[in-house]
């Protein structure tokens, strides 16, 4: 009987530890950038690949309000290893600390973490958060267990990632 109680305690203790470790996580990171007619598509692709950490990019065509051609490049990170590498790169460049300072302002009611990176800086090999302008838009879809508050759990996930 003691063996059974110890086994039950071990399982319960590990379940609690496991639950606190993965109370929140990023399921998907989507990076999007617009390429205007005056820009080099190859340079913008390079900037997007730098921010995303990988070069697989989907490109679609669109038209602007005045009929000008616009290319939309999208890169989606779904694998846990790719997402972890993305946030590790943000941490190495000091960007994650800035995101954590204003986390409440960057997460919407749907649990999406929003970031914008300067397109020109990314092309030069630097990560710089900006509030508007010509940007690489990043949307990180966060999920958490029911009954868990998203912001504290997301903060813990990002600090520990």
N, C-alpha and C. Protein backbone atom coordinates (compact mmCIF):
# COMPACT_ATOMS: atom_id res chain seq x y z
N UNK A 1 0.82 -1.19 0.00
CA UNK A 1 0.00 0.00 0.00
C UNK A 1 0.86 1.26 0.00
N UNK A 2 1.96 1.22 0.77
CA UNK A 2 2.86 2.37 0.81
C UNK A 2 3.45 2.64 -0.57
N UNK A 3 3.78 1.57 -1.29
CA UNK A 3 4.30 1.72 -2.65
C UNK A 3 3.30 2.45 -3.54
N UNK A 4 2.05 2.07 -3.43
CA UNK A 4 0.99 2.70 -4.22
C UNK A 4 0.85 4.19 -3.88
N UNK A 5 0.90 4.51 -2.60
CA UNK A 5 0.82 5.92 -2.18
C UNK A 5 2.01 6.72 -2.69
N UNK A 6 3.22 6.15 -2.62
CA UNK A 6 4.41 6.83 -3.13
C UNK A 6 4.32 7.04 -4.64
N UNK A 7 3.82 6.04 -5.34
CA UNK A 7 3.68 6.14 -6.79
C UNK A 7 2.66 7.23 -7.15
N UNK A 8 1.57 7.26 -6.42
CA UNK A 8 0.54 8.27 -6.67
C UNK A 8 1.08 9.67 -6.38
N UNK A 9 1.84 9.82 -5.29
CA UNK A 9 2.43 11.11 -4.96
C UNK A 9 3.42 11.53 -6.05
N UNK A 10 4.24 10.59 -6.52
CA UNK A 10 5.23 10.90 -7.56
C UNK A 10 4.53 11.37 -8.82
N UNK A 11 3.48 10.66 -9.22
CA UNK A 11 2.75 11.05 -10.42
C UNK A 11 2.09 12.42 -10.24
N UNK A 12 1.50 12.65 -9.10
CA UNK A 12 0.85 13.93 -8.84
C UNK A 12 1.87 15.06 -8.83
N UNK A 13 3.01 14.83 -8.17
CA UNK A 13 4.05 15.85 -8.09
C UNK A 13 4.58 16.17 -9.50
N UNK A 14 4.83 15.16 -10.31
CA UNK A 14 5.32 15.41 -11.66
C UNK A 14 4.27 16.07 -12.53
N UNK A 15 3.02 15.72 -12.34
CA UNK A 15 1.96 16.36 -13.11
C UNK A 15 1.91 17.86 -12.81
N UNK A 16 2.02 18.21 -11.53
CA UNK A 16 1.99 19.62 -11.16
C UNK A 16 3.19 20.34 -11.75
N UNK A 17 4.38 19.74 -11.67
CA UNK A 17 5.57 20.35 -12.26
C UNK A 17 5.40 20.49 -13.77
N UNK A 18 4.91 19.46 -14.40
CA UNK A 18 4.73 19.50 -15.85
C UNK A 18 3.74 20.59 -16.23
N UNK A 19 2.67 20.71 -15.46
CA UNK A 19 1.64 21.70 -15.77
C UNK A 19 2.18 23.12 -15.62
N UNK A 20 3.01 23.38 -14.61
CA UNK A 20 3.54 24.72 -14.46
C UNK A 20 4.56 25.03 -15.54
N UNK A 21 5.26 24.04 -16.03
CA UNK A 21 6.24 24.27 -17.08
C UNK A 21 5.55 24.65 -18.38
N UNK A 22 4.47 23.98 -18.73
CA UNK A 22 3.81 24.25 -20.01
C UNK A 22 2.42 24.86 -19.81
N UNK A 23 2.27 25.72 -18.82
CA UNK A 23 0.98 26.36 -18.58
C UNK A 23 0.58 27.22 -19.77
N UNK A 24 1.56 27.81 -20.45
CA UNK A 24 1.30 28.58 -21.67
C UNK A 24 2.41 28.28 -22.65
N UNK A 25 2.09 28.36 -23.91
CA UNK A 25 3.11 28.16 -24.92
C UNK A 25 2.71 28.85 -26.21
N UNK A 26 3.68 29.08 -27.05
CA UNK A 26 3.43 29.66 -28.36
C UNK A 26 3.23 28.51 -29.33
N UNK A 27 2.07 28.47 -29.96
CA UNK A 27 1.75 27.40 -30.91
C UNK A 27 2.21 27.71 -32.32
N UNK A 28 2.22 29.00 -32.68
CA UNK A 28 2.55 29.36 -34.06
C UNK A 28 3.05 30.79 -34.10
N UNK A 29 4.06 31.01 -34.93
CA UNK A 29 4.58 32.35 -35.17
C UNK A 29 4.43 32.64 -36.66
N UNK A 30 3.76 33.73 -37.00
CA UNK A 30 3.56 34.11 -38.39
C UNK A 30 4.22 35.45 -38.63
N UNK A 31 5.12 35.49 -39.61
CA UNK A 31 5.82 36.71 -39.98
C UNK A 31 5.31 37.14 -41.35
N UNK A 32 4.99 38.42 -41.49
CA UNK A 32 4.42 38.93 -42.74
C UNK A 32 5.07 40.26 -43.08
N UNK A 33 5.34 40.43 -44.37
CA UNK A 33 5.94 41.68 -44.83
C UNK A 33 5.39 42.00 -46.22
N UNK A 34 5.22 43.30 -46.48
CA UNK A 34 4.78 43.76 -47.80
C UNK A 34 5.98 44.25 -48.58
N UNK A 35 6.03 43.86 -49.86
CA UNK A 35 7.10 44.32 -50.75
C UNK A 35 6.45 45.26 -51.76
N UNK A 36 6.81 46.52 -51.67
CA UNK A 36 6.25 47.52 -52.58
C UNK A 36 7.02 47.51 -53.90
N UNK A 37 6.44 48.12 -54.92
CA UNK A 37 7.03 48.10 -56.26
C UNK A 37 8.42 48.73 -56.29
N UNK A 38 8.70 49.63 -55.39
CA UNK A 38 10.00 50.31 -55.38
C UNK A 38 11.08 49.54 -54.62
N UNK A 39 10.71 48.40 -54.03
CA UNK A 39 11.66 47.63 -53.22
C UNK A 39 12.14 46.40 -53.96
N UNK A 40 13.32 45.96 -53.59
CA UNK A 40 13.88 44.72 -54.13
C UNK A 40 13.28 43.54 -53.38
N UNK A 41 12.63 42.66 -54.11
CA UNK A 41 12.00 41.49 -53.49
C UNK A 41 13.05 40.61 -52.80
N UNK A 42 14.21 40.49 -53.41
CA UNK A 42 15.26 39.64 -52.84
C UNK A 42 15.79 40.21 -51.51
N UNK A 43 15.91 41.52 -51.43
CA UNK A 43 16.38 42.15 -50.18
C UNK A 43 15.35 41.99 -49.07
N UNK A 44 14.08 42.13 -49.41
CA UNK A 44 13.03 41.96 -48.40
C UNK A 44 12.96 40.50 -47.96
N UNK A 45 13.14 39.57 -48.90
CA UNK A 45 13.17 38.15 -48.56
C UNK A 45 14.32 37.85 -47.59
N UNK A 46 15.47 38.48 -47.84
CA UNK A 46 16.62 38.30 -46.95
C UNK A 46 16.32 38.83 -45.55
N UNK A 47 15.67 39.99 -45.46
CA UNK A 47 15.31 40.57 -44.17
C UNK A 47 14.33 39.67 -43.43
N UNK A 48 13.34 39.15 -44.14
CA UNK A 48 12.35 38.26 -43.52
C UNK A 48 13.01 36.97 -43.05
N UNK A 49 13.89 36.42 -43.86
CA UNK A 49 14.60 35.19 -43.48
C UNK A 49 15.47 35.42 -42.25
N UNK A 50 16.06 36.61 -42.13
CA UNK A 50 16.87 36.91 -40.95
C UNK A 50 16.02 36.92 -39.69
N UNK A 51 14.88 37.59 -39.74
CA UNK A 51 14.01 37.66 -38.55
C UNK A 51 13.44 36.29 -38.23
N UNK A 52 12.99 35.56 -39.25
CA UNK A 52 12.35 34.26 -39.03
C UNK A 52 13.34 33.17 -38.64
N UNK A 53 14.55 33.28 -39.13
CA UNK A 53 15.54 32.24 -38.86
C UNK A 53 15.48 31.10 -39.85
N UNK A 54 14.68 31.24 -40.88
CA UNK A 54 14.60 30.24 -41.94
C UNK A 54 14.16 30.91 -43.23
N UNK A 55 14.42 30.25 -44.34
CA UNK A 55 14.21 30.92 -45.62
C UNK A 55 12.96 30.47 -46.37
N UNK A 56 12.18 29.55 -45.82
CA UNK A 56 10.96 29.09 -46.50
C UNK A 56 9.90 30.19 -46.39
N UNK A 57 9.60 30.81 -47.52
CA UNK A 57 8.69 31.95 -47.55
C UNK A 57 7.65 31.73 -48.64
N UNK A 58 6.40 32.00 -48.32
CA UNK A 58 5.32 31.97 -49.32
C UNK A 58 5.10 33.40 -49.80
N UNK A 59 4.93 33.55 -51.10
CA UNK A 59 4.73 34.88 -51.68
C UNK A 59 3.42 34.91 -52.46
N UNK A 60 2.63 35.95 -52.23
CA UNK A 60 1.39 36.16 -52.98
C UNK A 60 1.40 37.57 -53.54
N UNK A 61 0.57 37.79 -54.54
CA UNK A 61 0.47 39.11 -55.16
C UNK A 61 -0.82 39.79 -54.73
N UNK A 62 -0.73 41.10 -54.62
CA UNK A 62 -1.91 41.90 -54.28
C UNK A 62 -1.78 43.24 -55.00
N UNK A 63 -2.84 44.01 -54.93
CA UNK A 63 -2.82 45.35 -55.52
C UNK A 63 -3.12 46.36 -54.43
N UNK A 64 -2.41 47.48 -54.48
CA UNK A 64 -2.63 48.56 -53.55
C UNK A 64 -3.89 49.33 -53.88
N UNK A 65 -4.21 50.30 -53.08
CA UNK A 65 -5.41 51.12 -53.27
C UNK A 65 -5.44 51.80 -54.63
N UNK A 66 -4.26 52.23 -55.09
CA UNK A 66 -4.17 52.93 -56.37
C UNK A 66 -3.78 51.99 -57.51
N UNK A 67 -3.88 50.68 -57.29
CA UNK A 67 -3.58 49.70 -58.33
C UNK A 67 -2.12 49.32 -58.43
N UNK A 68 -1.30 49.82 -57.53
CA UNK A 68 0.11 49.48 -57.54
C UNK A 68 0.33 48.03 -57.09
N UNK A 69 1.27 47.33 -57.71
CA UNK A 69 1.50 45.93 -57.32
C UNK A 69 2.19 45.83 -55.96
N UNK A 70 1.73 44.91 -55.15
CA UNK A 70 2.32 44.64 -53.84
C UNK A 70 2.49 43.13 -53.72
N UNK A 71 3.66 42.72 -53.27
CA UNK A 71 3.90 41.30 -52.99
C UNK A 71 3.83 41.13 -51.48
N UNK A 72 3.18 40.09 -51.02
CA UNK A 72 3.07 39.80 -49.60
C UNK A 72 3.84 38.51 -49.33
N UNK A 73 4.83 38.60 -48.45
CA UNK A 73 5.63 37.44 -48.09
C UNK A 73 5.24 37.00 -46.68
N UNK A 74 5.03 35.70 -46.52
CA UNK A 74 4.63 35.15 -45.23
C UNK A 74 5.51 33.96 -44.91
N UNK A 75 5.97 33.91 -43.67
CA UNK A 75 6.73 32.77 -43.17
C UNK A 75 6.06 32.32 -41.88
N UNK A 76 5.74 31.04 -41.79
CA UNK A 76 5.05 30.52 -40.61
C UNK A 76 5.92 29.49 -39.91
N UNK A 77 6.09 29.67 -38.62
CA UNK A 77 6.85 28.73 -37.79
C UNK A 77 5.86 27.94 -36.95
N UNK A 78 5.83 26.62 -37.15
CA UNK A 78 4.90 25.78 -36.40
C UNK A 78 5.62 24.75 -35.53
N UNK A 79 6.82 24.37 -35.92
CA UNK A 79 7.56 23.37 -35.15
C UNK A 79 8.12 24.00 -33.88
N UNK A 80 8.07 23.24 -32.81
CA UNK A 80 8.53 23.73 -31.51
C UNK A 80 9.99 24.17 -31.57
N UNK A 81 10.83 23.43 -32.30
CA UNK A 81 12.25 23.78 -32.40
C UNK A 81 12.44 25.12 -33.11
N UNK A 82 11.67 25.36 -34.17
CA UNK A 82 11.75 26.64 -34.89
C UNK A 82 11.30 27.80 -34.02
N UNK A 83 10.22 27.59 -33.27
CA UNK A 83 9.70 28.64 -32.39
C UNK A 83 10.70 28.93 -31.27
N UNK A 84 11.28 27.89 -30.69
CA UNK A 84 12.28 28.09 -29.64
C UNK A 84 13.50 28.82 -30.17
N UNK A 85 13.93 28.47 -31.37
CA UNK A 85 15.09 29.14 -31.98
C UNK A 85 14.78 30.61 -32.25
N UNK A 86 13.55 30.90 -32.66
CA UNK A 86 13.13 32.28 -32.91
C UNK A 86 13.23 33.11 -31.63
N UNK A 87 12.68 32.59 -30.53
CA UNK A 87 12.72 33.33 -29.27
C UNK A 87 14.12 33.38 -28.68
N UNK A 88 14.92 32.36 -28.92
CA UNK A 88 16.32 32.39 -28.47
C UNK A 88 17.08 33.51 -29.19
N UNK A 89 16.81 33.70 -30.48
CA UNK A 89 17.44 34.77 -31.24
C UNK A 89 16.99 36.14 -30.70
N UNK A 90 15.71 36.25 -30.34
CA UNK A 90 15.23 37.50 -29.75
C UNK A 90 15.94 37.78 -28.42
N UNK A 91 16.13 36.74 -27.63
CA UNK A 91 16.81 36.90 -26.34
C UNK A 91 18.26 37.32 -26.55
N UNK A 92 18.95 36.68 -27.49
CA UNK A 92 20.36 37.00 -27.76
C UNK A 92 20.54 38.44 -28.21
N UNK A 93 19.58 38.97 -28.92
CA UNK A 93 19.67 40.34 -29.43
C UNK A 93 19.06 41.37 -28.48
N UNK A 94 18.62 40.95 -27.30
CA UNK A 94 18.08 41.88 -26.32
C UNK A 94 16.67 42.35 -26.60
N UNK A 95 16.02 41.77 -27.59
CA UNK A 95 14.67 42.20 -27.97
C UNK A 95 13.63 41.63 -27.02
N UNK A 96 13.85 40.42 -26.55
CA UNK A 96 12.86 39.77 -25.69
C UNK A 96 12.63 40.55 -24.40
N UNK A 97 13.68 41.15 -23.86
CA UNK A 97 13.53 41.94 -22.64
C UNK A 97 12.62 43.14 -22.89
N UNK A 98 12.76 43.76 -24.05
CA UNK A 98 11.90 44.89 -24.40
C UNK A 98 10.45 44.45 -24.58
N UNK A 99 10.26 43.27 -25.16
CA UNK A 99 8.91 42.72 -25.34
C UNK A 99 8.28 42.44 -23.97
N UNK A 100 9.05 41.87 -23.06
CA UNK A 100 8.54 41.54 -21.73
C UNK A 100 8.17 42.80 -20.94
N UNK A 101 8.87 43.90 -21.16
CA UNK A 101 8.56 45.15 -20.46
C UNK A 101 7.17 45.65 -20.80
N UNK A 102 6.74 45.43 -22.04
CA UNK A 102 5.44 45.94 -22.50
C UNK A 102 4.54 44.80 -22.96
N UNK A 103 4.62 43.67 -22.29
CA UNK A 103 3.87 42.49 -22.71
C UNK A 103 2.37 42.72 -22.72
N UNK A 104 1.85 43.41 -21.71
CA UNK A 104 0.41 43.64 -21.63
C UNK A 104 -0.11 44.42 -22.83
N UNK A 105 0.70 45.33 -23.35
CA UNK A 105 0.29 46.15 -24.49
C UNK A 105 0.41 45.38 -25.81
N UNK A 106 1.21 44.33 -25.83
CA UNK A 106 1.48 43.60 -27.06
C UNK A 106 0.59 42.38 -27.27
N UNK A 107 -0.13 41.96 -26.23
CA UNK A 107 -0.99 40.78 -26.33
C UNK A 107 -2.44 41.25 -26.44
N UNK A 108 -3.14 40.75 -27.46
CA UNK A 108 -4.54 41.15 -27.64
C UNK A 108 -5.46 40.17 -26.91
N UNK A 109 -6.77 40.41 -27.01
CA UNK A 109 -7.76 39.59 -26.28
C UNK A 109 -7.85 38.16 -26.80
N UNK A 110 -7.31 37.90 -27.99
CA UNK A 110 -7.31 36.54 -28.55
C UNK A 110 -6.06 35.76 -28.19
N UNK A 111 -5.18 36.35 -27.40
CA UNK A 111 -3.96 35.67 -27.00
C UNK A 111 -2.87 35.70 -28.06
N UNK A 112 -2.85 36.75 -28.87
CA UNK A 112 -1.84 36.89 -29.91
C UNK A 112 -0.84 37.96 -29.48
N UNK A 113 0.42 37.60 -29.45
CA UNK A 113 1.50 38.52 -29.14
C UNK A 113 1.96 39.18 -30.43
N UNK A 114 1.92 40.51 -30.47
CA UNK A 114 2.26 41.26 -31.68
C UNK A 114 3.61 41.94 -31.52
N UNK A 115 4.43 41.84 -32.58
CA UNK A 115 5.70 42.55 -32.63
C UNK A 115 5.90 43.08 -34.04
N UNK A 116 6.63 44.18 -34.15
CA UNK A 116 6.97 44.74 -35.45
C UNK A 116 8.46 45.03 -35.47
N UNK A 117 9.12 44.54 -36.52
CA UNK A 117 10.55 44.76 -36.66
C UNK A 117 10.82 45.65 -37.87
N UNK A 118 11.78 46.53 -37.72
CA UNK A 118 12.17 47.43 -38.80
C UNK A 118 12.75 46.61 -39.95
N UNK A 119 12.19 46.80 -41.14
CA UNK A 119 12.60 46.03 -42.32
C UNK A 119 14.03 46.36 -42.74
N UNK A 120 14.40 47.64 -42.69
CA UNK A 120 15.75 48.06 -43.09
C UNK A 120 16.80 47.51 -42.13
N UNK A 121 16.51 47.58 -40.84
CA UNK A 121 17.44 47.06 -39.84
C UNK A 121 17.61 45.54 -39.99
N UNK A 122 16.52 44.85 -40.27
CA UNK A 122 16.59 43.39 -40.45
C UNK A 122 17.45 43.05 -41.65
N UNK A 123 17.35 43.82 -42.71
CA UNK A 123 18.19 43.58 -43.89
C UNK A 123 19.67 43.75 -43.53
N UNK A 124 19.97 44.68 -42.62
CA UNK A 124 21.35 44.91 -42.19
C UNK A 124 21.81 43.90 -41.14
N UNK A 125 20.92 42.98 -40.74
CA UNK A 125 21.29 41.94 -39.79
C UNK A 125 21.10 42.32 -38.34
N UNK A 126 20.18 43.25 -38.08
CA UNK A 126 19.89 43.68 -36.71
C UNK A 126 18.40 43.59 -36.46
N UNK A 127 18.04 43.23 -35.24
CA UNK A 127 16.63 43.17 -34.84
C UNK A 127 16.30 44.42 -34.05
N UNK A 128 15.33 45.17 -34.53
CA UNK A 128 14.92 46.40 -33.84
C UNK A 128 13.40 46.49 -33.85
N UNK A 129 12.81 46.56 -32.66
CA UNK A 129 11.36 46.72 -32.54
C UNK A 129 10.99 48.15 -32.87
N UNK A 130 9.90 48.31 -33.61
CA UNK A 130 9.38 49.63 -33.95
C UNK A 130 7.87 49.61 -33.77
N UNK A 131 7.27 50.80 -33.77
CA UNK A 131 5.82 50.86 -33.56
C UNK A 131 5.04 51.03 -34.85
N UNK A 132 5.67 51.41 -35.91
CA UNK A 132 4.93 51.58 -37.16
C UNK A 132 5.87 51.77 -38.32
N UNK A 133 5.31 52.02 -39.47
CA UNK A 133 6.14 52.25 -40.64
C UNK A 133 6.32 51.00 -41.47
N UNK A 134 7.43 50.93 -42.15
CA UNK A 134 7.76 49.83 -43.06
C UNK A 134 8.33 48.68 -42.23
N UNK A 135 7.50 47.69 -41.90
CA UNK A 135 7.86 46.70 -40.89
C UNK A 135 7.68 45.26 -41.36
N UNK A 136 8.31 44.39 -40.61
CA UNK A 136 8.02 42.95 -40.67
C UNK A 136 7.13 42.68 -39.47
N UNK A 137 5.90 42.30 -39.74
CA UNK A 137 4.91 42.09 -38.70
C UNK A 137 4.99 40.65 -38.20
N UNK A 138 5.01 40.47 -36.88
CA UNK A 138 5.10 39.14 -36.28
C UNK A 138 3.90 38.95 -35.36
N UNK A 139 3.21 37.82 -35.55
CA UNK A 139 2.07 37.44 -34.70
C UNK A 139 2.37 36.09 -34.09
N UNK A 140 2.41 36.02 -32.77
CA UNK A 140 2.69 34.78 -32.05
C UNK A 140 1.42 34.32 -31.35
N UNK A 141 0.90 33.19 -31.76
CA UNK A 141 -0.35 32.66 -31.20
C UNK A 141 -0.03 31.90 -29.92
N UNK A 142 -0.49 32.43 -28.79
CA UNK A 142 -0.24 31.81 -27.48
C UNK A 142 -1.48 31.06 -27.02
N UNK A 143 -1.27 29.93 -26.38
CA UNK A 143 -2.36 29.16 -25.79
C UNK A 143 -1.97 28.80 -24.37
N UNK A 144 -2.98 28.61 -23.53
CA UNK A 144 -2.72 28.19 -22.16
C UNK A 144 -3.84 27.27 -21.69
N UNK A 145 -3.59 26.61 -20.59
CA UNK A 145 -4.58 25.72 -20.02
C UNK A 145 -5.80 26.51 -19.56
N UNK A 146 -6.99 25.90 -19.66
CA UNK A 146 -8.18 26.56 -19.11
C UNK A 146 -8.01 26.82 -17.62
N UNK A 147 -8.46 27.96 -17.20
CA UNK A 147 -8.34 28.32 -15.79
C UNK A 147 -7.01 28.99 -15.46
N UNK A 148 -6.14 29.12 -16.44
CA UNK A 148 -4.85 29.76 -16.25
C UNK A 148 -4.90 31.14 -16.89
N UNK A 149 -4.42 32.14 -16.19
CA UNK A 149 -4.39 33.49 -16.76
C UNK A 149 -3.27 33.55 -17.79
N UNK A 150 -3.59 34.07 -18.96
CA UNK A 150 -2.66 34.05 -20.09
C UNK A 150 -1.40 34.87 -19.86
N UNK A 151 -1.54 36.12 -19.43
CA UNK A 151 -0.37 36.99 -19.35
C UNK A 151 0.70 36.49 -18.38
N UNK A 152 0.37 36.11 -17.14
CA UNK A 152 1.42 35.59 -16.27
C UNK A 152 2.05 34.30 -16.79
N UNK A 153 1.21 33.42 -17.36
CA UNK A 153 1.74 32.16 -17.89
C UNK A 153 2.61 32.42 -19.12
N UNK A 154 2.21 33.35 -19.97
CA UNK A 154 3.01 33.69 -21.15
C UNK A 154 4.33 34.34 -20.75
N UNK A 155 4.28 35.21 -19.76
CA UNK A 155 5.51 35.84 -19.27
C UNK A 155 6.48 34.77 -18.75
N UNK A 156 5.96 33.82 -18.00
CA UNK A 156 6.80 32.73 -17.47
C UNK A 156 7.39 31.90 -18.61
N UNK A 157 6.57 31.63 -19.62
CA UNK A 157 7.05 30.86 -20.77
C UNK A 157 8.17 31.59 -21.51
N UNK A 158 7.97 32.89 -21.75
CA UNK A 158 8.97 33.66 -22.50
C UNK A 158 10.25 33.84 -21.70
N UNK A 159 10.13 34.01 -20.38
CA UNK A 159 11.33 34.16 -19.56
C UNK A 159 12.12 32.86 -19.49
N UNK A 160 11.40 31.74 -19.54
CA UNK A 160 12.07 30.44 -19.43
C UNK A 160 12.47 29.83 -20.75
N UNK A 161 11.99 30.39 -21.85
CA UNK A 161 12.26 29.81 -23.16
C UNK A 161 13.69 30.04 -23.59
